[in-house]
């Protein structure tokens, strides 16, 4: 597998929302797709450039994706592992937000930030927040800024339980038969209601169940 390349920039191109370049390495030209944000910051043609690379192998061909650093490449891999998120959508997310901002948006469930990326709807944003929240918080802890584990502040000033407490709530509600998206909506709804639940996991479970029962009625 190709994980890193170093060479000279040649033939940068842009077609609609797709951006890429040819990287000349030891007499071989590798065509790579880039995020629009990275493409706009490319050095002039002929300049030396090194990229971390993701190789996508599909029935209709192979495609290389280039990233300026390893965390961004690894975050791309986490994104495309989510059902319904393909390489172009993952590039759009990374083109709209740098890696620290994107990790923070997913971990904190900031749907308004996620849907800013072209092609990302609310349901996809919710899926990203539900499926990746815990994994990104553990894997990319160095990229996260803001309050340490505890009550995480959302953009509207509401609060969510800490990651460990949230996972306990999600596991309990999942065992009761609720789907991931339902659980995430319930967590956000309880937070938005401003109830004095604090870090009491049992309180979050109780209030989420009340909200879920009301919506099912």
N, C-alpha and C. Protein backbone atom coordinates (compact mmCIF):
# COMPACT_ATOMS: atom_id res chain seq x y z
N UNK A 1 0.84 -1.20 0.00
CA UNK A 1 0.00 0.00 0.00
C UNK A 1 0.88 1.24 0.00
N UNK A 2 0.49 2.27 -0.74
CA UNK A 2 1.21 3.52 -0.78
C UNK A 2 0.71 4.41 0.35
N UNK A 3 1.61 4.80 1.26
CA UNK A 3 1.21 5.62 2.39
C UNK A 3 1.79 7.01 2.41
N UNK A 4 2.84 7.24 1.60
CA UNK A 4 3.51 8.55 1.61
C UNK A 4 4.27 8.70 0.31
N UNK A 5 4.26 9.91 -0.24
CA UNK A 5 4.98 10.19 -1.48
C UNK A 5 5.70 11.53 -1.37
N UNK A 6 6.86 11.60 -2.03
CA UNK A 6 7.60 12.85 -2.10
C UNK A 6 8.03 13.06 -3.54
N UNK A 7 7.79 14.26 -4.06
CA UNK A 7 8.15 14.52 -5.45
C UNK A 7 7.97 15.98 -5.78
N UNK A 8 7.79 16.26 -7.08
CA UNK A 8 7.63 17.63 -7.56
C UNK A 8 6.20 17.84 -8.07
N UNK A 9 5.66 19.01 -7.74
CA UNK A 9 4.31 19.35 -8.17
C UNK A 9 4.29 19.55 -9.68
N UNK A 10 3.31 18.93 -10.34
CA UNK A 10 3.12 19.12 -11.78
C UNK A 10 1.63 19.06 -12.09
N UNK A 11 1.19 19.90 -12.98
CA UNK A 11 -0.16 19.86 -13.53
C UNK A 11 -1.25 19.83 -12.47
N UNK A 12 -1.28 20.83 -11.57
CA UNK A 12 -2.45 20.91 -10.67
C UNK A 12 -3.70 21.23 -11.48
N UNK A 13 -4.83 20.62 -11.15
CA UNK A 13 -6.05 20.80 -11.94
C UNK A 13 -7.27 20.87 -11.03
N UNK A 14 -8.34 21.44 -11.55
CA UNK A 14 -9.60 21.52 -10.84
C UNK A 14 -10.74 21.35 -11.83
N UNK A 15 -11.66 20.44 -11.53
CA UNK A 15 -12.84 20.18 -12.36
C UNK A 15 -14.05 20.17 -11.44
N UNK A 16 -14.88 21.20 -11.55
CA UNK A 16 -16.04 21.34 -10.67
C UNK A 16 -15.56 21.32 -9.22
N UNK A 17 -16.03 20.35 -8.42
CA UNK A 17 -15.62 20.30 -7.02
C UNK A 17 -14.48 19.31 -6.76
N UNK A 18 -13.84 18.84 -7.82
CA UNK A 18 -12.72 17.90 -7.69
C UNK A 18 -11.41 18.63 -7.95
N UNK A 19 -10.45 18.41 -7.07
CA UNK A 19 -9.14 19.07 -7.19
C UNK A 19 -8.04 18.02 -7.09
N UNK A 20 -6.99 18.20 -7.87
CA UNK A 20 -5.91 17.23 -7.82
C UNK A 20 -4.63 17.77 -8.43
N UNK A 21 -3.65 16.90 -8.52
CA UNK A 21 -2.38 17.25 -9.13
C UNK A 21 -1.65 15.99 -9.54
N UNK A 22 -0.61 16.18 -10.32
CA UNK A 22 0.31 15.11 -10.68
C UNK A 22 1.56 15.32 -9.86
N UNK A 23 1.98 14.30 -9.13
CA UNK A 23 3.19 14.38 -8.31
C UNK A 23 4.26 13.52 -8.97
N UNK A 24 5.34 14.15 -9.42
CA UNK A 24 6.41 13.44 -10.13
C UNK A 24 7.42 12.90 -9.13
N UNK A 25 7.51 11.58 -9.06
CA UNK A 25 8.38 10.92 -8.09
C UNK A 25 9.30 9.93 -8.82
N UNK A 26 10.57 10.24 -8.90
CA UNK A 26 11.55 9.32 -9.49
C UNK A 26 11.14 8.84 -10.87
N UNK A 27 10.68 9.77 -11.70
CA UNK A 27 10.31 9.43 -13.06
C UNK A 27 8.92 8.85 -13.23
N UNK A 28 8.14 8.78 -12.14
CA UNK A 28 6.76 8.28 -12.20
C UNK A 28 5.83 9.39 -11.74
N UNK A 29 4.73 9.58 -12.48
CA UNK A 29 3.75 10.60 -12.11
C UNK A 29 2.55 9.97 -11.43
N UNK A 30 2.28 10.37 -10.19
CA UNK A 30 1.13 9.86 -9.44
C UNK A 30 0.04 10.93 -9.43
N UNK A 31 -1.16 10.56 -9.85
CA UNK A 31 -2.28 11.49 -9.82
C UNK A 31 -3.02 11.33 -8.49
N UNK A 32 -3.17 12.44 -7.77
CA UNK A 32 -3.80 12.42 -6.46
C UNK A 32 -4.93 13.43 -6.40
N UNK A 33 -5.99 13.09 -5.69
CA UNK A 33 -7.06 14.03 -5.38
C UNK A 33 -6.77 14.67 -4.03
N UNK A 34 -7.09 15.96 -3.91
CA UNK A 34 -6.83 16.73 -2.70
C UNK A 34 -8.12 17.41 -2.24
N UNK A 35 -8.13 17.88 -0.99
CA UNK A 35 -9.22 18.73 -0.55
C UNK A 35 -9.07 20.10 -1.22
N UNK A 36 -10.18 20.80 -1.49
CA UNK A 36 -10.07 22.15 -2.07
C UNK A 36 -9.21 23.08 -1.22
N UNK A 37 -9.32 22.95 0.09
CA UNK A 37 -8.54 23.82 0.99
C UNK A 37 -7.04 23.60 0.80
N UNK A 38 -6.63 22.34 0.70
CA UNK A 38 -5.21 22.02 0.49
C UNK A 38 -4.77 22.41 -0.92
N UNK A 39 -5.62 22.16 -1.91
CA UNK A 39 -5.27 22.45 -3.29
C UNK A 39 -4.97 23.94 -3.48
N UNK A 40 -5.75 24.80 -2.82
CA UNK A 40 -5.55 26.24 -2.95
C UNK A 40 -4.23 26.70 -2.36
N UNK A 41 -3.62 25.88 -1.51
CA UNK A 41 -2.36 26.26 -0.85
C UNK A 41 -1.16 25.53 -1.43
N UNK A 42 -1.33 24.90 -2.59
CA UNK A 42 -0.21 24.19 -3.19
C UNK A 42 0.92 25.16 -3.55
N UNK A 43 2.17 24.70 -3.43
CA UNK A 43 3.29 25.52 -3.90
C UNK A 43 3.31 25.55 -5.43
N UNK A 44 4.10 26.42 -6.05
CA UNK A 44 4.14 26.50 -7.51
C UNK A 44 4.59 25.19 -8.16
N UNK A 45 4.21 25.00 -9.41
CA UNK A 45 4.65 23.81 -10.16
C UNK A 45 6.17 23.73 -10.15
N UNK A 46 6.68 22.52 -9.99
CA UNK A 46 8.11 22.31 -9.91
C UNK A 46 8.64 22.27 -8.49
N UNK A 47 7.82 22.71 -7.52
CA UNK A 47 8.26 22.71 -6.12
C UNK A 47 8.22 21.30 -5.54
N UNK A 48 9.08 21.06 -4.57
CA UNK A 48 9.07 19.79 -3.85
C UNK A 48 7.85 19.73 -2.93
N UNK A 49 7.25 18.56 -2.85
CA UNK A 49 6.07 18.39 -2.02
C UNK A 49 6.02 16.95 -1.52
N UNK A 50 5.70 16.78 -0.25
CA UNK A 50 5.48 15.44 0.30
C UNK A 50 4.05 15.35 0.82
N UNK A 51 3.42 14.20 0.61
CA UNK A 51 2.03 13.99 0.98
C UNK A 51 1.84 12.63 1.64
N UNK A 52 1.00 12.61 2.67
CA UNK A 52 0.51 11.33 3.17
C UNK A 52 -0.62 10.89 2.24
N UNK A 53 -0.70 9.60 1.99
CA UNK A 53 -1.55 9.11 0.91
C UNK A 53 -2.50 8.02 1.41
N UNK A 54 -3.72 8.06 0.90
CA UNK A 54 -4.67 6.96 1.07
C UNK A 54 -4.94 6.36 -0.30
N UNK A 55 -4.81 5.06 -0.42
CA UNK A 55 -5.08 4.35 -1.68
C UNK A 55 -6.44 3.68 -1.59
N UNK A 56 -7.34 4.07 -2.48
CA UNK A 56 -8.67 3.47 -2.55
C UNK A 56 -8.70 2.49 -3.72
N UNK A 57 -9.05 1.24 -3.44
CA UNK A 57 -9.12 0.20 -4.47
C UNK A 57 -10.57 -0.18 -4.66
N UNK A 58 -11.09 0.05 -5.87
CA UNK A 58 -12.46 -0.29 -6.20
C UNK A 58 -12.50 -1.08 -7.50
N UNK A 59 -13.67 -1.65 -7.78
CA UNK A 59 -13.80 -2.45 -9.00
C UNK A 59 -13.54 -1.63 -10.26
N UNK A 60 -13.91 -0.34 -10.22
CA UNK A 60 -13.77 0.49 -11.42
C UNK A 60 -12.43 1.23 -11.48
N UNK A 61 -11.52 0.94 -10.55
CA UNK A 61 -10.20 1.55 -10.63
C UNK A 61 -9.61 1.88 -9.27
N UNK A 62 -8.35 2.30 -9.28
CA UNK A 62 -7.64 2.71 -8.08
C UNK A 62 -7.54 4.24 -8.07
N UNK A 63 -7.59 4.82 -6.86
CA UNK A 63 -7.48 6.27 -6.74
C UNK A 63 -6.64 6.61 -5.52
N UNK A 64 -5.73 7.58 -5.68
CA UNK A 64 -4.90 8.07 -4.59
C UNK A 64 -5.46 9.40 -4.09
N UNK A 65 -5.45 9.56 -2.76
CA UNK A 65 -5.86 10.81 -2.11
C UNK A 65 -4.69 11.32 -1.29
N UNK A 66 -4.35 12.59 -1.46
CA UNK A 66 -3.19 13.15 -0.79
C UNK A 66 -3.56 14.13 0.31
N UNK A 67 -2.77 14.12 1.40
CA UNK A 67 -3.04 14.97 2.57
C UNK A 67 -1.74 15.55 3.10
N UNK A 68 -1.79 16.77 3.64
CA UNK A 68 -0.56 17.42 4.09
C UNK A 68 0.06 16.81 5.33
N UNK A 69 -0.73 16.10 6.14
CA UNK A 69 -0.17 15.49 7.35
C UNK A 69 -0.91 14.20 7.65
N UNK A 70 -0.34 13.43 8.55
CA UNK A 70 -0.90 12.11 8.86
C UNK A 70 -2.25 12.20 9.58
N UNK A 71 -2.44 13.10 10.57
CA UNK A 71 -3.76 13.17 11.21
C UNK A 71 -4.90 13.40 10.23
N UNK A 72 -4.67 14.27 9.21
CA UNK A 72 -5.74 14.53 8.24
C UNK A 72 -6.01 13.28 7.40
N UNK A 73 -4.95 12.57 7.02
CA UNK A 73 -5.14 11.32 6.26
C UNK A 73 -5.89 10.29 7.10
N UNK A 74 -5.51 10.16 8.37
CA UNK A 74 -6.18 9.18 9.24
C UNK A 74 -7.63 9.56 9.51
N UNK A 75 -7.90 10.85 9.62
CA UNK A 75 -9.28 11.30 9.82
C UNK A 75 -10.11 11.00 8.57
N UNK A 76 -9.54 11.18 7.40
CA UNK A 76 -10.22 10.82 6.14
C UNK A 76 -10.63 9.35 6.18
N UNK A 77 -9.74 8.48 6.64
CA UNK A 77 -10.04 7.05 6.71
C UNK A 77 -11.17 6.75 7.68
N UNK A 78 -11.22 7.48 8.78
CA UNK A 78 -12.33 7.29 9.72
C UNK A 78 -13.65 7.72 9.08
N UNK A 79 -13.63 8.80 8.34
CA UNK A 79 -14.86 9.31 7.72
C UNK A 79 -15.41 8.34 6.69
N UNK A 80 -14.55 7.81 5.81
CA UNK A 80 -15.05 6.94 4.74
C UNK A 80 -15.49 5.59 5.28
N UNK A 81 -15.15 5.28 6.52
CA UNK A 81 -15.60 4.02 7.12
C UNK A 81 -17.05 4.10 7.58
N UNK A 82 -17.62 5.30 7.61
CA UNK A 82 -19.02 5.48 8.02
C UNK A 82 -19.93 5.22 6.82
N UNK A 83 -20.98 4.45 7.04
CA UNK A 83 -21.92 4.13 5.97
C UNK A 83 -22.51 5.40 5.37
N UNK A 84 -22.47 5.49 4.04
CA UNK A 84 -23.03 6.64 3.35
C UNK A 84 -22.07 7.79 3.14
N UNK A 85 -20.85 7.65 3.65
CA UNK A 85 -19.84 8.70 3.47
C UNK A 85 -18.75 8.17 2.53
N UNK A 86 -18.74 8.67 1.31
CA UNK A 86 -17.74 8.27 0.34
C UNK A 86 -16.55 9.20 0.34
N UNK A 87 -15.54 8.90 -0.47
CA UNK A 87 -14.34 9.74 -0.51
C UNK A 87 -14.62 11.20 -0.85
N UNK A 88 -15.53 11.48 -1.79
CA UNK A 88 -15.79 12.86 -2.16
C UNK A 88 -16.43 13.64 -1.01
N UNK A 89 -17.32 13.00 -0.26
CA UNK A 89 -17.92 13.67 0.88
C UNK A 89 -16.88 13.90 1.98
N UNK A 90 -16.01 12.90 2.19
CA UNK A 90 -14.96 13.06 3.19
C UNK A 90 -14.02 14.20 2.81
N UNK A 91 -13.68 14.31 1.51
CA UNK A 91 -12.86 15.43 1.05
C UNK A 91 -13.57 16.76 1.25
N UNK A 92 -14.89 16.77 1.02
CA UNK A 92 -15.66 18.00 1.21
C UNK A 92 -15.64 18.44 2.67
N UNK A 93 -15.77 17.48 3.59
CA UNK A 93 -15.72 17.80 5.01
C UNK A 93 -14.36 18.37 5.40
N UNK A 94 -13.29 17.73 4.91
CA UNK A 94 -11.94 18.20 5.22
C UNK A 94 -11.60 19.47 4.46
N UNK A 95 -12.29 19.72 3.35
CA UNK A 95 -12.09 20.96 2.63
C UNK A 95 -12.77 22.13 3.32
N UNK A 96 -13.85 21.84 4.05
CA UNK A 96 -14.60 22.88 4.74
C UNK A 96 -14.01 23.20 6.11
N UNK A 97 -13.44 22.19 6.78
CA UNK A 97 -12.88 22.34 8.12
C UNK A 97 -11.51 21.68 8.18
N UNK A 98 -10.56 22.28 8.87
CA UNK A 98 -9.30 21.59 9.08
C UNK A 98 -9.52 20.47 10.09
N UNK A 99 -8.51 19.62 10.27
CA UNK A 99 -8.69 18.42 11.09
C UNK A 99 -9.13 18.73 12.53
N UNK A 100 -8.49 19.67 13.25
CA UNK A 100 -8.95 19.95 14.61
C UNK A 100 -10.40 20.42 14.68
N UNK A 101 -10.79 21.29 13.74
CA UNK A 101 -12.16 21.80 13.76
C UNK A 101 -13.17 20.71 13.43
N UNK A 102 -12.82 19.82 12.51
CA UNK A 102 -13.74 18.75 12.13
C UNK A 102 -13.88 17.73 13.26
N UNK A 103 -12.78 17.37 13.89
CA UNK A 103 -12.86 16.44 15.03
C UNK A 103 -13.72 17.05 16.13
N UNK A 104 -13.52 18.34 16.42
CA UNK A 104 -14.31 19.00 17.46
C UNK A 104 -15.80 19.01 17.10
N UNK A 105 -16.12 19.26 15.83
CA UNK A 105 -17.52 19.31 15.41
C UNK A 105 -18.18 17.95 15.59
N UNK A 106 -17.48 16.88 15.24
CA UNK A 106 -18.05 15.54 15.38
C UNK A 106 -18.20 15.17 16.85
N UNK A 107 -17.17 15.40 17.64
CA UNK A 107 -17.19 15.01 19.05
C UNK A 107 -18.27 15.76 19.82
N UNK A 108 -18.45 17.03 19.51
CA UNK A 108 -19.43 17.84 20.23
C UNK A 108 -20.81 17.82 19.59
N UNK A 109 -20.96 17.06 18.51
CA UNK A 109 -22.27 16.97 17.86
C UNK A 109 -22.72 18.27 17.25
N UNK A 110 -21.78 19.06 16.73
CA UNK A 110 -22.11 20.36 16.14
C UNK A 110 -22.60 20.14 14.71
N UNK A 111 -23.89 19.84 14.57
CA UNK A 111 -24.45 19.53 13.26
C UNK A 111 -24.41 20.72 12.32
N UNK A 112 -24.55 21.91 12.87
CA UNK A 112 -24.53 23.11 12.02
C UNK A 112 -23.19 23.28 11.32
N UNK A 113 -22.11 22.90 11.99
CA UNK A 113 -20.79 22.97 11.36
C UNK A 113 -20.63 21.88 10.31
N UNK A 114 -21.12 20.69 10.61
CA UNK A 114 -20.94 19.56 9.68
C UNK A 114 -21.71 19.75 8.38
N UNK A 115 -22.93 20.30 8.46
CA UNK A 115 -23.73 20.44 7.24
C UNK A 115 -23.26 21.59 6.36
N UNK A 116 -22.26 22.35 6.80
CA UNK A 116 -21.68 23.38 5.94
C UNK A 116 -20.93 22.78 4.76
N UNK A 117 -20.46 21.54 4.90
CA UNK A 117 -19.72 20.89 3.81
C UNK A 117 -20.68 20.52 2.68
N UNK A 118 -20.31 20.78 1.44
CA UNK A 118 -21.19 20.44 0.30
C UNK A 118 -21.56 18.97 0.28
N UNK A 119 -22.87 18.69 0.13
CA UNK A 119 -23.34 17.31 0.03
C UNK A 119 -23.64 16.64 1.35
N UNK A 120 -23.37 17.31 2.47
CA UNK A 120 -23.60 16.71 3.80
C UNK A 120 -24.93 17.23 4.34
N UNK A 121 -25.90 16.32 4.46
CA UNK A 121 -27.20 16.67 5.02
C UNK A 121 -27.25 16.41 6.51
N UNK A 122 -28.38 16.75 7.11
CA UNK A 122 -28.50 16.63 8.56
C UNK A 122 -28.41 15.18 9.02
N UNK A 123 -29.04 14.25 8.29
CA UNK A 123 -29.00 12.85 8.71
C UNK A 123 -27.58 12.30 8.65
N UNK A 124 -26.83 12.67 7.62
CA UNK A 124 -25.44 12.22 7.54
C UNK A 124 -24.62 12.82 8.67
N UNK A 125 -24.86 14.10 8.97
CA UNK A 125 -24.15 14.74 10.07
C UNK A 125 -24.45 14.05 11.40
N UNK A 126 -25.71 13.68 11.60
CA UNK A 126 -26.08 12.96 12.82
C UNK A 126 -25.38 11.60 12.89
N UNK A 127 -25.32 10.92 11.74
CA UNK A 127 -24.67 9.62 11.70
C UNK A 127 -23.18 9.74 12.05
N UNK A 128 -22.53 10.76 11.52
CA UNK A 128 -21.13 10.99 11.83
C UNK A 128 -20.93 11.21 13.33
N UNK A 129 -21.79 12.04 13.91
CA UNK A 129 -21.66 12.34 15.33
C UNK A 129 -21.90 11.10 16.19
N UNK A 130 -22.88 10.30 15.81
CA UNK A 130 -23.20 9.10 16.59
C UNK A 130 -22.12 8.04 16.46
N UNK A 131 -21.67 7.76 15.24
CA UNK A 131 -20.76 6.65 15.02
C UNK A 131 -19.30 6.98 15.36
N UNK A 132 -18.91 8.24 15.21
CA UNK A 132 -17.49 8.58 15.35
C UNK A 132 -17.15 9.32 16.63
N UNK A 133 -18.13 9.76 17.36
CA UNK A 133 -17.85 10.63 18.50
C UNK A 133 -16.82 10.03 19.46
N UNK A 134 -17.10 8.84 19.96
CA UNK A 134 -16.19 8.23 20.93
C UNK A 134 -14.84 7.90 20.33
N UNK A 135 -14.84 7.36 19.11
CA UNK A 135 -13.58 6.93 18.49
C UNK A 135 -12.66 8.12 18.20
N UNK A 136 -13.23 9.22 17.69
CA UNK A 136 -12.41 10.38 17.40
C UNK A 136 -11.89 11.03 18.68
N UNK A 137 -12.70 11.04 19.72
CA UNK A 137 -12.26 11.65 20.97
C UNK A 137 -11.07 10.89 21.55
N UNK A 138 -11.07 9.57 21.39
CA UNK A 138 -9.95 8.78 21.90
C UNK A 138 -8.73 8.86 20.99
N UNK A 139 -8.95 8.81 19.67
CA UNK A 139 -7.83 8.72 18.74
C UNK A 139 -7.17 10.06 18.48
N UNK A 140 -7.96 11.15 18.47
CA UNK A 140 -7.43 12.46 18.10
C UNK A 140 -7.50 13.42 19.27
N UNK A 141 -7.23 12.92 20.46
CA UNK A 141 -7.33 13.76 21.66
C UNK A 141 -6.39 14.96 21.57
N UNK A 142 -5.24 14.82 20.89
CA UNK A 142 -4.29 15.93 20.78
C UNK A 142 -4.82 17.06 19.92
N UNK A 143 -5.81 16.78 19.06
CA UNK A 143 -6.35 17.81 18.18
C UNK A 143 -7.47 18.61 18.84
N UNK A 144 -8.01 18.06 19.93
CA UNK A 144 -9.17 18.70 20.55
C UNK A 144 -8.75 19.86 21.42
N UNK A 145 -9.52 20.94 21.34
CA UNK A 145 -9.32 22.08 22.20
C UNK A 145 -10.60 22.30 22.99
N UNK A 146 -10.54 23.18 23.96
CA UNK A 146 -11.74 23.49 24.71
C UNK A 146 -11.76 22.77 26.04
N UNK A 147 -12.93 22.60 26.63
CA UNK A 147 -13.01 22.04 27.98
C UNK A 147 -12.56 20.60 28.02
N UNK A 148 -11.88 20.18 29.09
CA UNK A 148 -11.49 18.78 29.26
C UNK A 148 -12.72 17.93 29.50
N UNK A 149 -12.56 16.60 29.60
CA UNK A 149 -13.70 15.74 29.84
C UNK A 149 -14.51 16.25 31.02
N UNK A 150 -15.78 16.26 30.88
CA UNK A 150 -16.72 16.83 31.82
C UNK A 150 -17.96 17.16 31.03
N UNK A 151 -18.59 18.26 31.30
CA UNK A 151 -19.73 18.66 30.50
C UNK A 151 -19.23 19.44 29.31
N UNK A 152 -19.53 18.98 28.10
CA UNK A 152 -19.08 19.62 26.88
C UNK A 152 -20.09 20.67 26.45
N UNK A 153 -19.63 21.88 26.16
CA UNK A 153 -20.53 22.95 25.76
C UNK A 153 -20.82 22.87 24.26
N UNK A 154 -22.09 22.97 23.91
CA UNK A 154 -22.51 23.02 22.52
C UNK A 154 -22.59 24.47 22.08
N UNK A 155 -22.66 24.71 20.75
CA UNK A 155 -22.68 26.09 20.26
C UNK A 155 -23.80 26.94 20.84
N UNK A 156 -24.93 26.31 21.17
CA UNK A 156 -26.05 27.10 21.68
C UNK A 156 -26.03 27.25 23.20
N UNK A 157 -24.96 26.82 23.84
CA UNK A 157 -24.84 27.01 25.27
C UNK A 157 -25.38 25.85 26.10
N UNK A 158 -25.97 24.86 25.49
CA UNK A 158 -26.46 23.70 26.22
C UNK A 158 -25.28 22.79 26.55
N UNK A 159 -25.53 21.77 27.34
CA UNK A 159 -24.44 20.89 27.76
C UNK A 159 -24.81 19.44 27.52
N UNK A 160 -23.80 18.65 27.17
CA UNK A 160 -23.97 17.22 26.96
C UNK A 160 -23.15 16.50 28.01
N UNK A 161 -23.49 15.25 28.34
CA UNK A 161 -22.67 14.51 29.30
C UNK A 161 -21.30 14.25 28.71
N UNK A 162 -20.32 14.01 29.58
CA UNK A 162 -18.97 13.70 29.12
C UNK A 162 -18.99 12.43 28.29
N UNK A 163 -17.89 12.20 27.56
CA UNK A 163 -17.85 11.08 26.62
C UNK A 163 -18.15 9.75 27.30
N UNK A 164 -17.55 9.52 28.47
CA UNK A 164 -17.76 8.24 29.16
C UNK A 164 -19.22 8.08 29.56
N UNK A 165 -19.81 9.15 30.11
CA UNK A 165 -21.21 9.10 30.51
C UNK A 165 -22.13 8.95 29.31
N UNK A 166 -21.80 9.65 28.22
CA UNK A 166 -22.62 9.56 27.02
C UNK A 166 -22.62 8.15 26.47
N UNK A 167 -21.45 7.49 26.49
CA UNK A 167 -21.39 6.10 25.99
C UNK A 167 -22.23 5.18 26.86
N UNK A 168 -22.23 5.42 28.18
CA UNK A 168 -23.06 4.59 29.06
C UNK A 168 -24.54 4.79 28.76
N UNK A 169 -24.93 6.05 28.53
CA UNK A 169 -26.33 6.33 28.18
C UNK A 169 -26.68 5.66 26.85
N UNK A 170 -25.79 5.82 25.85
CA UNK A 170 -26.04 5.22 24.53
C UNK A 170 -26.15 3.70 24.62
N UNK A 171 -25.25 3.07 25.39
CA UNK A 171 -25.29 1.61 25.52
C UNK A 171 -26.57 1.14 26.19
N UNK A 172 -27.00 1.88 27.22
CA UNK A 172 -28.22 1.48 27.93
C UNK A 172 -29.44 1.61 27.03
N UNK A 173 -29.55 2.73 26.34
CA UNK A 173 -30.71 2.93 25.46
C UNK A 173 -30.67 1.99 24.27
N UNK A 174 -29.47 1.70 23.77
CA UNK A 174 -29.34 0.74 22.68
C UNK A 174 -29.81 -0.64 23.11
N UNK A 175 -29.49 -1.03 24.33
CA UNK A 175 -29.93 -2.33 24.85
C UNK A 175 -31.45 -2.39 24.98
N UNK A 176 -32.07 -1.23 25.11
CA UNK A 176 -33.54 -1.16 25.19
C UNK A 176 -34.19 -1.13 23.81
N UNK A 177 -33.36 -1.16 22.75
CA UNK A 177 -33.91 -1.26 21.40
C UNK A 177 -33.92 0.01 20.60
N UNK A 178 -33.37 1.09 21.14
CA UNK A 178 -33.35 2.36 20.40
C UNK A 178 -32.17 2.41 19.44
N UNK A 179 -32.39 3.06 18.28
CA UNK A 179 -31.34 3.21 17.29
C UNK A 179 -30.41 4.37 17.65
N UNK A 180 -29.22 4.34 17.02
CA UNK A 180 -28.22 5.35 17.33
C UNK A 180 -28.69 6.77 17.09
N UNK A 181 -29.36 7.01 15.94
CA UNK A 181 -29.82 8.37 15.64
C UNK A 181 -30.89 8.83 16.63
N UNK A 182 -31.77 7.90 17.05
CA UNK A 182 -32.79 8.25 18.04
C UNK A 182 -32.14 8.67 19.36
N UNK A 183 -31.11 7.93 19.75
CA UNK A 183 -30.42 8.21 21.01
C UNK A 183 -29.74 9.57 20.95
N UNK A 184 -29.08 9.85 19.83
CA UNK A 184 -28.38 11.12 19.70
C UNK A 184 -29.37 12.29 19.74
N UNK A 185 -30.50 12.15 19.06
CA UNK A 185 -31.51 13.20 19.09
C UNK A 185 -32.02 13.42 20.52
N UNK A 186 -32.22 12.32 21.23
CA UNK A 186 -32.72 12.42 22.60
C UNK A 186 -31.71 13.14 23.49
N UNK A 187 -30.44 12.82 23.36
CA UNK A 187 -29.40 13.50 24.15
C UNK A 187 -29.40 15.00 23.89
N UNK A 188 -29.46 15.37 22.61
CA UNK A 188 -29.45 16.79 22.27
C UNK A 188 -30.73 17.48 22.76
N UNK A 189 -31.88 16.79 22.66
CA UNK A 189 -33.14 17.39 23.09
C UNK A 189 -33.14 17.63 24.60
N UNK A 190 -32.66 16.64 25.36
CA UNK A 190 -32.61 16.80 26.82
C UNK A 190 -31.65 17.93 27.19
N UNK A 191 -30.51 18.00 26.48
CA UNK A 191 -29.56 19.09 26.74
C UNK A 191 -30.18 20.45 26.44
N UNK A 192 -30.91 20.53 25.33
CA UNK A 192 -31.51 21.80 24.92
C UNK A 192 -32.60 22.26 25.88
N UNK A 193 -33.24 21.31 26.58
CA UNK A 193 -34.29 21.68 27.51
C UNK A 193 -33.74 22.31 28.78
N UNK A 194 -32.41 22.21 28.97
CA UNK A 194 -31.77 22.88 30.10
C UNK A 194 -32.09 22.26 31.44
N UNK A 195 -32.40 20.97 31.47
CA UNK A 195 -32.73 20.31 32.73
C UNK A 195 -31.47 20.17 33.59
N UNK A 196 -31.64 20.24 34.89
CA UNK A 196 -30.51 20.16 35.82
C UNK A 196 -30.10 18.72 36.03
N UNK A 197 -29.65 18.07 34.96
CA UNK A 197 -29.27 16.66 35.05
C UNK A 197 -27.82 16.53 35.51
N UNK A 198 -26.98 17.52 35.13
CA UNK A 198 -25.58 17.47 35.51
C UNK A 198 -24.89 16.26 34.90
N UNK A 199 -24.04 15.61 35.68
CA UNK A 199 -23.30 14.45 35.20
C UNK A 199 -23.92 13.14 35.66
N UNK A 200 -25.16 13.21 36.17
CA UNK A 200 -25.85 12.01 36.65
C UNK A 200 -26.31 11.17 35.47
N UNK A 201 -25.62 10.06 35.23
CA UNK A 201 -25.94 9.21 34.08
C UNK A 201 -27.37 8.68 34.17
N UNK A 202 -27.78 8.25 35.35
CA UNK A 202 -29.15 7.75 35.51
C UNK A 202 -30.16 8.83 35.16
N UNK A 203 -29.85 10.08 35.52
CA UNK A 203 -30.75 11.18 35.20
C UNK A 203 -30.87 11.40 33.70
N UNK A 204 -29.73 11.30 32.99
CA UNK A 204 -29.76 11.43 31.53
C UNK A 204 -30.58 10.31 30.90
N UNK A 205 -30.40 9.10 31.40
CA UNK A 205 -31.16 7.97 30.85
C UNK A 205 -32.65 8.18 31.08
N UNK A 206 -33.01 8.60 32.28
CA UNK A 206 -34.42 8.81 32.62
C UNK A 206 -35.04 9.89 31.73
N UNK A 207 -34.35 11.02 31.57
CA UNK A 207 -34.91 12.11 30.78
C UNK A 207 -34.94 11.77 29.29
N UNK A 208 -33.94 11.03 28.81
CA UNK A 208 -33.95 10.59 27.40
C UNK A 208 -35.13 9.66 27.14
N UNK A 209 -35.39 8.76 28.08
CA UNK A 209 -36.53 7.84 27.91
C UNK A 209 -37.85 8.61 27.90
N UNK A 210 -37.95 9.65 28.71
CA UNK A 210 -39.16 10.46 28.71
C UNK A 210 -39.34 11.14 27.35
N UNK A 211 -38.24 11.70 26.83
CA UNK A 211 -38.31 12.38 25.53
C UNK A 211 -38.66 11.39 24.43
N UNK A 212 -38.04 10.23 24.44
CA UNK A 212 -38.30 9.22 23.41
C UNK A 212 -39.74 8.72 23.47
N UNK A 213 -40.28 8.58 24.67
CA UNK A 213 -41.67 8.13 24.80
C UNK A 213 -42.63 9.19 24.28
N UNK A 214 -42.30 10.47 24.49
CA UNK A 214 -43.17 11.55 24.00
C UNK A 214 -43.17 11.58 22.46
N UNK A 215 -41.99 11.42 21.86
CA UNK A 215 -41.91 11.48 20.41
C UNK A 215 -42.54 10.28 19.75
N UNK A 216 -42.60 9.15 20.46
CA UNK A 216 -43.21 7.95 19.90
C UNK A 216 -44.71 7.95 20.04
N UNK A 217 -45.22 8.81 20.90
CA UNK A 217 -46.68 8.84 21.14
C UNK A 217 -47.43 9.39 19.93
